[in-house]
Amino acid sequence: MSLNKQLLEILACPQCHGKVRLDENLGGLICDQCKLLYEIKNDIPIMLVEEARKLT
């Protein structure tokens, strides 16, 4: 999985507008503040709150 570094710098969590970080092991972008995982499918981040997985 690869994500353009410039894209990663401008992406924000749609719920809290905070920074997200790439986690290749989980296959997506994580918002540490909201504890949400936004999956990346076919190299496209799915940045929808209702599609995000809750992290415990």
C-alpha atoms as a PDB file:
ATOM      1  CA  MET A   1       0.000   0.000   0.000  1.00  0.00           C
ATOM      2  CA  SER A   2       1.366   3.366  -0.930  1.00  0.00           C
ATOM      3  CA  LEU A   3      -0.051   6.782  -0.315  1.00  0.00           C
ATOM      4  CA  ASN A   4       1.376   9.999  -1.673  1.00  0.00           C
ATOM      5  CA  LYS A   5       3.142  11.869   1.158  1.00  0.00           C
ATOM      6  CA  GLN A   6       1.663  15.193   0.035  1.00  0.00           C
ATOM      7  CA  LEU A   7      -1.836  13.706   0.131  1.00  0.00           C
ATOM      8  CA  LEU A   8      -1.220  12.299   3.593  1.00  0.00           C
ATOM      9  CA  GLU A   9      -0.140  15.752   4.814  1.00  0.00           C
ATOM     10  CA  ILE A  10      -3.412  17.400   3.750  1.00  0.00           C
ATOM     11  CA  LEU A  11      -5.858  14.652   4.733  1.00  0.00           C
ATOM     12  CA  ALA A  12      -7.753  15.194   7.973  1.00  0.00           C
ATOM     13  CA  CYS A  13     -10.264  13.209   9.971  1.00  0.00           C
ATOM     14  CA  PRO A  14     -13.731  14.175   8.715  1.00  0.00           C
ATOM     15  CA  GLN A  15     -15.135  13.905  12.245  1.00  0.00           C
ATOM     16  CA  CYS A  16     -12.722  16.043  14.308  1.00  0.00           C
ATOM     17  CA  HIS A  17     -10.594  17.597  11.525  1.00  0.00           C
ATOM     18  CA  GLY A  18      -7.453  16.335  13.262  1.00  0.00           C
ATOM     19  CA  LYS A  19      -4.421  14.706  11.687  1.00  0.00           C
ATOM     20  CA  VAL A  20      -4.477  11.115  10.502  1.00  0.00           C
ATOM     21  CA  ARG A  21      -1.541   8.753  10.243  1.00  0.00           C
ATOM     22  CA  LEU A  22      -0.905   5.827   7.948  1.00  0.00           C
ATOM     23  CA  ASP A  23      -0.873   2.361   9.509  1.00  0.00           C
ATOM     24  CA  GLU A  24       0.137  -0.183   6.900  1.00  0.00           C
ATOM     25  CA  ASN A  25      -0.460  -3.132   9.259  1.00  0.00           C
ATOM     26  CA  LEU A  26      -4.133  -2.218   9.666  1.00  0.00           C
ATOM     27  CA  GLY A  27      -4.446  -1.069   6.058  1.00  0.00           C
ATOM     28  CA  GLY A  28      -5.653   2.443   6.593  1.00  0.00           C
ATOM     29  CA  LEU A  29      -5.462   5.861   8.137  1.00  0.00           C
ATOM     30  CA  ILE A  30      -5.882   6.262  11.875  1.00  0.00           C
ATOM     31  CA  CYS A  31      -7.230   9.226  13.781  1.00  0.00           C
ATOM     32  CA  ASP A  32      -5.797   8.853  17.280  1.00  0.00           C
ATOM     33  CA  GLN A  33      -8.155  11.464  18.708  1.00  0.00           C
ATOM     34  CA  CYS A  34     -11.373   9.757  17.504  1.00  0.00           C
ATOM     35  CA  LYS A  35      -9.945   6.212  17.630  1.00  0.00           C
ATOM     36  CA  LEU A  36     -11.143   5.551  14.070  1.00  0.00           C
ATOM     37  CA  LEU A  37      -9.564   3.607  11.212  1.00  0.00           C
ATOM     38  CA  TYR A  38     -10.322   4.790   7.692  1.00  0.00           C
ATOM     39  CA  GLU A  39      -9.547   1.874   5.386  1.00  0.00           C
ATOM     40  CA  ILE A  40      -7.651   2.255   2.137  1.00  0.00           C
ATOM     41  CA  LYS A  41      -9.163   0.271  -0.745  1.00  0.00           C
ATOM     42  CA  ASN A  42      -7.476   0.139  -4.142  1.00  0.00           C
ATOM     43  CA  ASP A  43      -5.085   2.899  -2.980  1.00  0.00           C
ATOM     44  CA  ILE A  44      -8.043   5.206  -2.186  1.00  0.00           C
ATOM     45  CA  PRO A  45      -8.674   6.265   1.408  1.00  0.00           C
ATOM     46  CA  ILE A  46     -12.345   5.899   2.361  1.00  0.00           C
ATOM     47  CA  MET A  47     -12.770   9.050   4.454  1.00  0.00           C
ATOM     48  CA  LEU A  48     -16.378   8.554   5.540  1.00  0.00           C
ATOM     49  CA  VAL A  49     -17.151   8.495   9.264  1.00  0.00           C
ATOM     50  CA  GLU A  50     -19.956   5.965   8.771  1.00  0.00           C
ATOM     51  CA  GLU A  51     -17.526   3.608   6.951  1.00  0.00           C
ATOM     52  CA  ALA A  52     -14.720   3.944   9.542  1.00  0.00           C
ATOM     53  CA  ARG A  53     -13.918   1.170  11.999  1.00  0.00           C
ATOM     54  CA  LYS A  54     -13.810   1.958  15.715  1.00  0.00           C
ATOM     55  CA  LEU A  55     -10.487   1.088  17.353  1.00  0.00           C
ATOM     56  CA  THR A  56     -10.349  -0.163  20.923  1.00  0.00           C
END
